[in-house]
Amino acid sequence: MSQASLFDFEAPPKLTERIFFAIAPSAEAISDIRALTAELKAQHGMQGRPIADAKLHCTLCNLGDFPGMPEALLSRAKQAAALVAAATQPFSVSFDTA
């Protein structure tokens, strides 16, 4: 029986996909976020770019990072999200830190 070399291993797969549950702001909330962003940038001399409207969200639960899209998990996650969305009324969210 031969002993494996210390350098005889495969690199771990690159994690290219992330699956998570999130809530997204309404169009009205996005407008409010843009106004607050401009105000905070002016008040504090911030130079960074704001996050694109389509990427604004609040992550609720991260299901993980994967080397490729795990279709079975994605399918189950979509089913769960649809059930929760159907049973949930719109609600307000507020944050105390920017």
PDB file of N, CA and C in Angstrom:
ATOM      1  N   MET A   1       0.851  -1.174   0.000  1.00  0.00           N
ATOM      2  CA  MET A   1       0.000   0.000   0.000  1.00  0.00           C
ATOM      3  C   MET A   1       0.894   1.234   0.000  1.00  0.00           C
ATOM      4  N   SER A   2       0.659   2.149  -0.928  1.00  0.00           N
ATOM      5  CA  SER A   2       1.499   3.339  -0.984  1.00  0.00           C
ATOM      6  C   SER A   2       0.859   4.473  -0.206  1.00  0.00           C
ATOM      7  N   GLN A   3       1.718   5.284   0.349  1.00  0.00           N
ATOM      8  CA  GLN A   3       1.247   6.429   1.117  1.00  0.00           C
ATOM      9  C   GLN A   3       1.043   7.604   0.174  1.00  0.00           C
ATOM     10  N   ALA A   4      -0.060   8.327   0.339  1.00  0.00           N
ATOM     11  CA  ALA A   4      -0.337   9.486  -0.507  1.00  0.00           C
ATOM     12  C   ALA A   4       0.640  10.599  -0.190  1.00  0.00           C
ATOM     13  N   SER A   5       1.018  11.318  -1.190  1.00  0.00           N
ATOM     14  CA  SER A   5       1.901  12.460  -1.020  1.00  0.00           C
ATOM     15  C   SER A   5       1.143  13.593  -0.349  1.00  0.00           C
ATOM     16  N   LEU A   6       1.854  14.392   0.413  1.00  0.00           N
ATOM     17  CA  LEU A   6       1.268  15.558   1.052  1.00  0.00           C
ATOM     18  C   LEU A   6       0.702  16.522   0.012  1.00  0.00           C
ATOM     19  N   PHE A   7       1.294  16.536  -1.173  1.00  0.00           N
ATOM     20  CA  PHE A   7       0.882  17.470  -2.209  1.00  0.00           C
ATOM     21  C   PHE A   7      -0.058  16.832  -3.231  1.00  0.00           C
ATOM     22  N   ASP A   8      -0.514  15.627  -2.972  1.00  0.00           N
ATOM     23  CA  ASP A   8      -1.375  14.894  -3.893  1.00  0.00           C
ATOM     24  C   ASP A   8      -2.835  15.065  -3.471  1.00  0.00           C
ATOM     25  N   PHE A   9      -3.380  16.258  -3.710  1.00  0.00           N
ATOM     26  CA  PHE A   9      -4.771  16.507  -3.359  1.00  0.00           C
ATOM     27  C   PHE A   9      -5.377  17.459  -4.374  1.00  0.00           C
ATOM     28  N   GLU A  10      -6.697  17.472  -4.407  1.00  0.00           N
ATOM     29  CA  GLU A  10      -7.398  18.398  -5.296  1.00  0.00           C
ATOM     30  C   GLU A  10      -7.760  19.647  -4.509  1.00  0.00           C
ATOM     31  N   ALA A  11      -7.640  20.774  -5.156  1.00  0.00           N
ATOM     32  CA  ALA A  11      -8.064  22.019  -4.525  1.00  0.00           C
ATOM     33  C   ALA A  11      -9.577  21.962  -4.329  1.00  0.00           C
ATOM     34  N   PRO A  12     -10.073  22.561  -3.257  1.00  0.00           N
ATOM     35  CA  PRO A  12     -11.528  22.562  -3.070  1.00  0.00           C
ATOM     36  C   PRO A  12     -12.216  23.292  -4.219  1.00  0.00           C
ATOM     37  N   PRO A  13     -13.431  22.893  -4.558  1.00  0.00           N
ATOM     38  CA  PRO A  13     -14.116  23.548  -5.678  1.00  0.00           C
ATOM     39  C   PRO A  13     -14.389  25.020  -5.358  1.00  0.00           C
ATOM     40  N   LYS A  14     -14.359  25.852  -6.384  1.00  0.00           N
ATOM     41  CA  LYS A  14     -14.637  27.272  -6.216  1.00  0.00           C
ATOM     42  C   LYS A  14     -16.140  27.459  -6.003  1.00  0.00           C
ATOM     43  N   LEU A  15     -16.487  28.190  -4.956  1.00  0.00           N
ATOM     44  CA  LEU A  15     -17.893  28.443  -4.647  1.00  0.00           C
ATOM     45  C   LEU A  15     -18.365  29.613  -5.500  1.00  0.00           C
ATOM     46  N   THR A  16     -19.208  29.322  -6.475  1.00  0.00           N
ATOM     47  CA  THR A  16     -19.610  30.324  -7.456  1.00  0.00           C
ATOM     48  C   THR A  16     -21.049  30.797  -7.307  1.00  0.00           C
ATOM     49  N   GLU A  17     -21.838  30.095  -6.535  1.00  0.00           N
ATOM     50  CA  GLU A  17     -23.267  30.431  -6.413  1.00  0.00           C
ATOM     51  C   GLU A  17     -23.638  30.603  -4.943  1.00  0.00           C
ATOM     52  N   ARG A  18     -24.531  31.555  -4.670  1.00  0.00           N
ATOM     53  CA  ARG A  18     -25.031  31.790  -3.316  1.00  0.00           C
ATOM     54  C   ARG A  18     -26.559  31.781  -3.381  1.00  0.00           C
ATOM     55  N   ILE A  19     -27.167  31.099  -2.436  1.00  0.00           N
ATOM     56  CA  ILE A  19     -28.628  31.068  -2.352  1.00  0.00           C
ATOM     57  C   ILE A  19     -29.024  31.637  -0.990  1.00  0.00           C
ATOM     58  N   PHE A  20     -29.962  32.576  -1.013  1.00  0.00           N
ATOM     59  CA  PHE A  20     -30.423  33.174   0.238  1.00  0.00           C
ATOM     60  C   PHE A  20     -31.849  33.674   0.092  1.00  0.00           C
ATOM     61  N   PHE A  21     -32.536  33.785   1.230  1.00  0.00           N
ATOM     62  CA  PHE A  21     -33.854  34.399   1.278  1.00  0.00           C
ATOM     63  C   PHE A  21     -33.656  35.863   1.651  1.00  0.00           C
ATOM     64  N   ALA A  22     -34.399  36.749   0.990  1.00  0.00           N
ATOM     65  CA  ALA A  22     -34.266  38.177   1.254  1.00  0.00           C
ATOM     66  C   ALA A  22     -35.594  38.871   1.003  1.00  0.00           C
ATOM     67  N   ILE A  23     -35.702  40.074   1.549  1.00  0.00           N
ATOM     68  CA  ILE A  23     -36.836  40.935   1.215  1.00  0.00           C
ATOM     69  C   ILE A  23     -36.279  42.123   0.434  1.00  0.00           C
ATOM     70  N   ALA A  24     -37.072  42.623  -0.489  1.00  0.00           N
ATOM     71  CA  ALA A  24     -36.662  43.749  -1.325  1.00  0.00           C
ATOM     72  C   ALA A  24     -37.583  44.941  -1.038  1.00  0.00           C
ATOM     73  N   PRO A  25     -37.042  46.148  -1.110  1.00  0.00           N
ATOM     74  CA  PRO A  25     -37.865  47.331  -0.849  1.00  0.00           C
ATOM     75  C   PRO A  25     -38.818  47.621  -1.998  1.00  0.00           C
ATOM     76  N   SER A  26     -39.905  48.284  -1.667  1.00  0.00           N
ATOM     77  CA  SER A  26     -40.856  48.742  -2.686  1.00  0.00           C
ATOM     78  C   SER A  26     -40.228  49.892  -3.468  1.00  0.00           C
ATOM     79  N   ALA A  27     -40.874  50.279  -4.564  1.00  0.00           N
ATOM     80  CA  ALA A  27     -40.381  51.405  -5.370  1.00  0.00           C
ATOM     81  C   ALA A  27     -40.343  52.678  -4.531  1.00  0.00           C
ATOM     82  N   GLU A  28     -41.339  52.871  -3.695  1.00  0.00           N
ATOM     83  CA  GLU A  28     -41.372  54.056  -2.816  1.00  0.00           C
ATOM     84  C   GLU A  28     -40.206  54.028  -1.827  1.00  0.00           C
ATOM     85  N   ALA A  29     -39.948  52.868  -1.253  1.00  0.00           N
ATOM     86  CA  ALA A  29     -38.841  52.752  -0.304  1.00  0.00           C
ATOM     87  C   ALA A  29     -37.503  52.982  -0.998  1.00  0.00           C
ATOM     88  N   ILE A  30     -37.364  52.499  -2.236  1.00  0.00           N
ATOM     89  CA  ILE A  30     -36.117  52.728  -2.980  1.00  0.00           C
ATOM     90  C   ILE A  30     -35.900  54.228  -3.172  1.00  0.00           C
ATOM     91  N   SER A  31     -36.952  54.952  -3.476  1.00  0.00           N
ATOM     92  CA  SER A  31     -36.849  56.399  -3.630  1.00  0.00           C
ATOM     93  C   SER A  31     -36.393  57.043  -2.319  1.00  0.00           C
ATOM     94  N   ASP A  32     -36.957  56.617  -1.206  1.00  0.00           N
ATOM     95  CA  ASP A  32     -36.567  57.133   0.108  1.00  0.00           C
ATOM     96  C   ASP A  32     -35.107  56.787   0.419  1.00  0.00           C
ATOM     97  N   ILE A  33     -34.696  55.587   0.064  1.00  0.00           N
ATOM     98  CA  ILE A  33     -33.310  55.156   0.292  1.00  0.00           C
ATOM     99  C   ILE A  33     -32.357  56.025  -0.523  1.00  0.00           C
ATOM    100  N   ARG A  34     -32.705  56.308  -1.770  1.00  0.00           N
ATOM    101  CA  ARG A  34     -31.864  57.155  -2.625  1.00  0.00           C
ATOM    102  C   ARG A  34     -31.712  58.546  -2.014  1.00  0.00           C
ATOM    103  N   ALA A  35     -32.824  59.123  -1.528  1.00  0.00           N
ATOM    104  CA  ALA A  35     -32.774  60.461  -0.922  1.00  0.00           C
ATOM    105  C   ALA A  35     -31.901  60.442   0.341  1.00  0.00           C
ATOM    106  N   LEU A  36     -32.064  59.441   1.175  1.00  0.00           N
ATOM    107  CA  LEU A  36     -31.252  59.329   2.390  1.00  0.00           C
ATOM    108  C   LEU A  36     -29.783  59.121   2.047  1.00  0.00           C
ATOM    109  N   THR A  37     -29.514  58.319   1.018  1.00  0.00           N
ATOM    110  CA  THR A  37     -28.137  58.088   0.588  1.00  0.00           C
ATOM    111  C   THR A  37     -27.474  59.404   0.185  1.00  0.00           C
ATOM    112  N   ALA A  38     -28.166  60.194  -0.616  1.00  0.00           N
ATOM    113  CA  ALA A  38     -27.614  61.483  -1.063  1.00  0.00           C
ATOM    114  C   ALA A  38     -27.368  62.398   0.134  1.00  0.00           C
ATOM    115  N   GLU A  39     -28.302  62.413   1.063  1.00  0.00           N
ATOM    116  CA  GLU A  39     -28.162  63.257   2.256  1.00  0.00           C
ATOM    117  C   GLU A  39     -26.957  62.819   3.098  1.00  0.00           C
ATOM    118  N   LEU A  40     -26.824  61.538   3.341  1.00  0.00           N
ATOM    119  CA  LEU A  40     -25.712  61.039   4.146  1.00  0.00           C
ATOM    120  C   LEU A  40     -24.366  61.259   3.458  1.00  0.00           C
ATOM    121  N   LYS A  41     -24.335  61.071   2.142  1.00  0.00           N
ATOM    122  CA  LYS A  41     -23.088  61.314   1.395  1.00  0.00           C
ATOM    123  C   LYS A  41     -22.662  62.778   1.532  1.00  0.00           C
ATOM    124  N   ALA A  42     -23.632  63.697   1.402  1.00  0.00           N
ATOM    125  CA  ALA A  42     -23.318  65.125   1.499  1.00  0.00           C
ATOM    126  C   ALA A  42     -22.878  65.495   2.918  1.00  0.00           C
ATOM    127  N   GLN A  43     -23.564  64.977   3.920  1.00  0.00           N
ATOM    128  CA  GLN A  43     -23.251  65.311   5.311  1.00  0.00           C
ATOM    129  C   GLN A  43     -21.884  64.793   5.752  1.00  0.00           C
ATOM    130  N   HIS A  44     -21.491  63.642   5.229  1.00  0.00           N
ATOM    131  CA  HIS A  44     -20.283  62.989   5.725  1.00  0.00           C
ATOM    132  C   HIS A  44     -19.152  62.920   4.704  1.00  0.00           C
ATOM    133  N   GLY A  45     -19.318  63.600   3.560  1.00  0.00           N
ATOM    134  CA  GLY A  45     -18.259  63.626   2.550  1.00  0.00           C
ATOM    135  C   GLY A  45     -17.925  62.245   2.001  1.00  0.00           C
ATOM    136  N   MET A  46     -18.914  61.391   1.910  1.00  0.00           N
ATOM    137  CA  MET A  46     -18.685  60.028   1.419  1.00  0.00           C
ATOM    138  C   MET A  46     -18.540  60.044  -0.102  1.00  0.00           C
ATOM    139  N   GLN A  47     -17.654  59.215  -0.626  1.00  0.00           N
ATOM    140  CA  GLN A  47     -17.378  59.200  -2.054  1.00  0.00           C
ATOM    141  C   GLN A  47     -17.854  57.933  -2.773  1.00  0.00           C
ATOM    142  N   GLY A  48     -18.231  56.911  -2.050  1.00  0.00           N
ATOM    143  CA  GLY A  48     -18.597  55.637  -2.659  1.00  0.00           C
ATOM    144  C   GLY A  48     -19.859  55.719  -3.508  1.00  0.00           C
ATOM    145  N   ARG A  49     -20.014  54.722  -4.377  1.00  0.00           N
ATOM    146  CA  ARG A  49     -21.215  54.643  -5.218  1.00  0.00           C
ATOM    147  C   ARG A  49     -22.322  53.941  -4.447  1.00  0.00           C
ATOM    148  N   PRO A  50     -23.552  54.399  -4.598  1.00  0.00           N
ATOM    149  CA  PRO A  50     -24.677  53.699  -3.965  1.00  0.00           C
ATOM    150  C   PRO A  50     -24.883  52.317  -4.584  1.00  0.00           C
ATOM    151  N   ILE A  51     -25.483  51.447  -3.848  1.00  0.00           N
ATOM    152  CA  ILE A  51     -25.834  50.117  -4.354  1.00  0.00           C
ATOM    153  C   ILE A  51     -26.923  50.284  -5.417  1.00  0.00           C
ATOM    154  N   ALA A  52     -26.828  49.536  -6.490  1.00  0.00           N
ATOM    155  CA  ALA A  52     -27.829  49.590  -7.563  1.00  0.00           C
ATOM    156  C   ALA A  52     -29.209  49.221  -7.017  1.00  0.00           C
ATOM    157  N   ASP A  53     -30.223  49.909  -7.501  1.00  0.00           N
ATOM    158  CA  ASP A  53     -31.596  49.666  -7.029  1.00  0.00           C
ATOM    159  C   ASP A  53     -31.965  48.187  -7.064  1.00  0.00           C
ATOM    160  N   ALA A  54     -31.607  47.498  -8.133  1.00  0.00           N
ATOM    161  CA  ALA A  54     -31.977  46.083  -8.293  1.00  0.00           C
ATOM    162  C   ALA A  54     -31.294  45.180  -7.265  1.00  0.00           C
ATOM    163  N   LYS A  55     -30.238  45.667  -6.624  1.00  0.00           N
ATOM    164  CA  LYS A  55     -29.519  44.853  -5.639  1.00  0.00           C
ATOM    165  C   LYS A  55     -29.895  45.185  -4.197  1.00  0.00           C
ATOM    166  N   LEU A  56     -30.721  46.204  -4.001  1.00  0.00           N
ATOM    167  CA  LEU A  56     -31.126  46.557  -2.639  1.00  0.00           C
ATOM    168  C   LEU A  56     -31.973  45.441  -2.051  1.00  0.00           C
ATOM    169  N   HIS A  57     -31.582  44.953  -0.891  1.00  0.00           N
ATOM    170  CA  HIS A  57     -32.330  43.893  -0.231  1.00  0.00           C
ATOM    171  C   HIS A  57     -31.867  43.777   1.217  1.00  0.00           C
ATOM    172  N   CYS A  58     -32.609  43.030   1.984  1.00  0.00           N
ATOM    173  CA  CYS A  58     -32.222  42.679   3.345  1.00  0.00           C
ATOM    174  C   CYS A  58     -32.230  41.152   3.409  1.00  0.00           C
ATOM    175  N   THR A  59     -31.062  40.563   3.619  1.00  0.00           N
ATOM    176  CA  THR A  59     -30.965  39.107   3.684  1.00  0.00           C
ATOM    177  C   THR A  59     -31.619  38.597   4.959  1.00  0.00           C
ATOM    178  N   LEU A  60     -32.479  37.612   4.814  1.00  0.00           N
ATOM    179  CA  LEU A  60     -33.146  37.000   5.960  1.00  0.00           C
ATOM    180  C   LEU A  60     -32.459  35.713   6.394  1.00  0.00           C
ATOM    181  N   CYS A  61     -32.023  34.926   5.409  1.00  0.00           N
ATOM    182  CA  CYS A  61     -31.401  33.637   5.727  1.00  0.00           C
ATOM    183  C   CYS A  61     -30.516  33.208   4.565  1.00  0.00           C
ATOM    184  N   ASN A  62     -29.257  32.961   4.856  1.00  0.00           N
ATOM    185  CA  ASN A  62     -28.328  32.479   3.835  1.00  0.00           C
ATOM    186  C   ASN A  62     -28.371  30.955   3.829  1.00  0.00           C
ATOM    187  N   LEU A  63     -28.668  30.373   2.680  1.00  0.00           N
ATOM    188  CA  LEU A  63     -28.714  28.912   2.566  1.00  0.00           C
ATOM    189  C   LEU A  63     -27.358  28.322   2.210  1.00  0.00           C
ATOM    190  N   GLY A  64     -26.406  29.179   1.797  1.00  0.00           N
ATOM    191  CA  GLY A  64     -25.058  28.684   1.560  1.00  0.00           C
ATOM    192  C   GLY A  64     -24.474  29.089   0.227  1.00  0.00           C
ATOM    193  N   ASP A  65     -23.186  28.812   0.106  1.00  0.00           N
ATOM    194  CA  ASP A  65     -22.421  29.033  -1.117  1.00  0.00           C
ATOM    195  C   ASP A  65     -22.088  27.676  -1.712  1.00  0.00           C
ATOM    196  N   PHE A  66     -22.176  27.577  -3.040  1.00  0.00           N
ATOM    197  CA  PHE A  66     -22.065  26.280  -3.695  1.00  0.00           C
ATOM    198  C   PHE A  66     -21.194  26.348  -4.944  1.00  0.00           C
ATOM    199  N   PRO A  67     -20.544  25.223  -5.292  1.00  0.00           N
ATOM    200  CA  PRO A  67     -19.779  25.154  -6.548  1.00  0.00           C
ATOM    201  C   PRO A  67     -20.722  24.786  -7.691  1.00  0.00           C
ATOM    202  N   GLY A  68     -21.469  25.750  -8.177  1.00  0.00           N
ATOM    203  CA  GLY A  68     -22.507  25.474  -9.161  1.00  0.00           C
ATOM    204  C   GLY A  68     -23.859  25.532  -8.479  1.00  0.00           C
ATOM    205  N   MET A  69     -24.898  25.663  -9.264  1.00  0.00           N
ATOM    206  CA  MET A  69     -26.238  25.808  -8.712  1.00  0.00           C
ATOM    207  C   MET A  69     -26.830  24.453  -8.344  1.00  0.00           C
ATOM    208  N   PRO A  70     -27.125  24.236  -7.061  1.00  0.00           N
ATOM    209  CA  PRO A  70     -27.759  22.981  -6.652  1.00  0.00           C
ATOM    210  C   PRO A  70     -29.259  23.047  -6.959  1.00  0.00           C
ATOM    211  N   GLU A  71     -29.644  22.538  -8.098  1.00  0.00           N
ATOM    212  CA  GLU A  71     -31.012  22.702  -8.601  1.00  0.00           C
ATOM    213  C   GLU A  71     -32.074  22.156  -7.643  1.00  0.00           C
ATOM    214  N   ALA A  72     -31.804  21.037  -6.978  1.00  0.00           N
ATOM    215  CA  ALA A  72     -32.796  20.475  -6.053  1.00  0.00           C
ATOM    216  C   ALA A  72     -33.038  21.425  -4.882  1.00  0.00           C
ATOM    217  N   LEU A  73     -31.974  21.985  -4.309  1.00  0.00           N
ATOM    218  CA  LEU A  73     -32.118  22.941  -3.211  1.00  0.00           C
ATOM    219  C   LEU A  73     -32.816  24.200  -3.698  1.00  0.00           C
ATOM    220  N   LEU A  74     -32.441  24.683  -4.872  1.00  0.00           N
ATOM    221  CA  LEU A  74     -33.063  25.877  -5.421  1.00  0.00           C
ATOM    222  C   LEU A  74     -34.563  25.665  -5.620  1.00  0.00           C
ATOM    223  N   SER A  75     -34.950  24.520  -6.116  1.00  0.00           N
ATOM    224  CA  SER A  75     -36.361  24.205  -6.321  1.00  0.00           C
ATOM    225  C   SER A  75     -37.124  24.211  -5.000  1.00  0.00           C
ATOM    226  N   ARG A  76     -36.553  23.568  -3.987  1.00  0.00           N
ATOM    227  CA  ARG A  76     -37.208  23.532  -2.667  1.00  0.00           C
ATOM    228  C   ARG A  76     -37.273  24.927  -2.050  1.00  0.00           C
ATOM    229  N   ALA A  77     -36.214  25.715  -2.233  1.00  0.00           N
ATOM    230  CA  ALA A  77     -36.198  27.076  -1.693  1.00  0.00           C
ATOM    231  C   ALA A  77     -37.266  27.938  -2.366  1.00  0.00           C
ATOM    232  N   LYS A  78     -37.424  27.792  -3.669  1.00  0.00           N
ATOM    233  CA  LYS A  78     -38.457  28.550  -4.394  1.00  0.00           C
ATOM    234  C   LYS A  78     -39.848  28.173  -3.900  1.00  0.00           C
ATOM    235  N   GLN A  79     -40.082  26.880  -3.658  1.00  0.00           N
ATOM    236  CA  GLN A  79     -41.382  26.442  -3.144  1.00  0.00           C
ATOM    237  C   GLN A  79     -41.649  27.040  -1.765  1.00  0.00           C
ATOM    238  N   ALA A  80     -40.647  27.009  -0.900  1.00  0.00           N
ATOM    239  CA  ALA A  80     -40.803  27.572   0.440  1.00  0.00           C
ATOM    240  C   ALA A  80     -41.055  29.076   0.366  1.00  0.00           C
ATOM    241  N   ALA A  81     -40.317  29.776  -0.482  1.00  0.00           N
ATOM    242  CA  ALA A  81     -40.486  31.221  -0.628  1.00  0.00           C
ATOM    243  C   ALA A  81     -41.884  31.562  -1.129  1.00  0.00           C
ATOM    244  N   ALA A  82     -42.395  30.792  -2.062  1.00  0.00           N
ATOM    245  CA  ALA A  82     -43.738  31.047  -2.595  1.00  0.00           C
ATOM    246  C   ALA A  82     -44.792  30.872  -1.507  1.00  0.00           C
ATOM    247  N   LEU A  83     -44.641  29.851  -0.665  1.00  0.00           N
ATOM    248  CA  LEU A  83     -45.592  29.632   0.430  1.00  0.00           C
ATOM    249  C   LEU A  83     -45.559  30.786   1.429  1.00  0.00           C
ATOM    250  N   VAL A  84     -44.376  31.231   1.786  1.00  0.00           N
ATOM    251  CA  VAL A  84     -44.247  32.333   2.738  1.00  0.00           C
ATOM    252  C   VAL A  84     -44.792  33.619   2.121  1.00  0.00           C
ATOM    253  N   ALA A  85     -44.446  33.900   0.881  1.00  0.00           N
ATOM    254  CA  ALA A  85     -44.912  35.120   0.216  1.00  0.00           C
ATOM    255  C   ALA A  85     -46.435  35.152   0.120  1.00  0.00           C
ATOM    256  N   ALA A  86     -47.043  34.019  -0.161  1.00  0.00           N
ATOM    257  CA  ALA A  86     -48.504  33.960  -0.285  1.00  0.00           C
ATOM    258  C   ALA A  86     -49.202  34.205   1.050  1.00  0.00           C
ATOM    259  N   ALA A  87     -48.530  33.892   2.147  1.00  0.00           N
ATOM    260  CA  ALA A  87     -49.136  34.009   3.463  1.00  0.00           C
ATOM    261  C   ALA A  87     -48.701  35.274   4.215  1.00  0.00           C
ATOM    262  N   THR A  88     -47.925  36.149   3.577  1.00  0.00           N
ATOM    263  CA  THR A  88     -47.370  37.307   4.275  1.00  0.00           C
ATOM    264  C   THR A  88     -47.844  38.605   3.636  1.00  0.00           C
ATOM    265  N   GLN A  89     -48.382  39.474   4.454  1.00  0.00           N
ATOM    266  CA  GLN A  89     -48.800  40.801   4.006  1.00  0.00           C
ATOM    267  C   GLN A  89     -47.579  41.716   3.961  1.00  0.00           C
ATOM    268  N   PRO A  90     -47.627  42.786   3.145  1.00  0.00           N
ATOM    269  CA  PRO A  90     -46.527  43.760   3.162  1.00  0.00           C
ATOM    270  C   PRO A  90     -46.323  44.299   4.576  1.00  0.00           C
ATOM    271  N   PHE A  91     -45.095  44.623   4.919  1.00  0.00           N
ATOM    272  CA  PHE A  91     -44.789  45.123   6.258  1.00  0.00           C
ATOM    273  C   PHE A  91     -43.685  46.159   6.185  1.00  0.00           C
ATOM    274  N   SER A  92     -43.565  46.950   7.249  1.00  0.00           N
ATOM    275  CA  SER A  92     -42.544  47.988   7.317  1.00  0.00           C
ATOM    276  C   SER A  92     -41.295  47.442   7.988  1.00  0.00           C
ATOM    277  N   VAL A  93     -40.171  47.969   7.548  1.00  0.00           N
ATOM    278  CA  VAL A  93     -38.874  47.630   8.135  1.00  0.00           C
ATOM    279  C   VAL A  93     -38.141  48.928   8.394  1.00  0.00           C
ATOM    280  N   SER A  94     -37.449  48.998   9.520  1.00  0.00           N
ATOM    281  CA  SER A  94     -36.615  50.169   9.770  1.00  0.00           C
ATOM    282  C   SER A  94     -35.272  49.723  10.320  1.00  0.00           C
ATOM    283  N   PHE A  95     -34.272  50.550  10.096  1.00  0.00           N
ATOM    284  CA  PHE A  95     -32.906  50.257  10.536  1.00  0.00           C
ATOM    285  C   PHE A  95     -32.398  51.432  11.357  1.00  0.00           C
ATOM    286  N   ASP A  96     -31.530  51.172  12.301  1.00  0.00           N
ATOM    287  CA  ASP A  96     -30.995  52.251  13.118  1.00  0.00           C
ATOM    288  C   ASP A  96     -29.538  52.566  12.800  1.00  0.00           C
ATOM    289  N   THR A  97     -29.016  51.919  11.757  1.00  0.00           N
ATOM    290  CA  THR A  97     -27.628  52.128  11.354  1.00  0.00           C
ATOM    291  C   THR A  97     -27.551  52.162   9.832  1.00  0.00           C
ATOM    292  N   ALA A  98     -26.735  53.069   9.314  1.00  0.00           N
ATOM    293  CA  ALA A  98     -26.535  53.136   7.862  1.00  0.00           C
ATOM    294  C   ALA A  98     -25.108  52.748   7.549  1.00  0.00           C
TER     295      ALA A  98
END
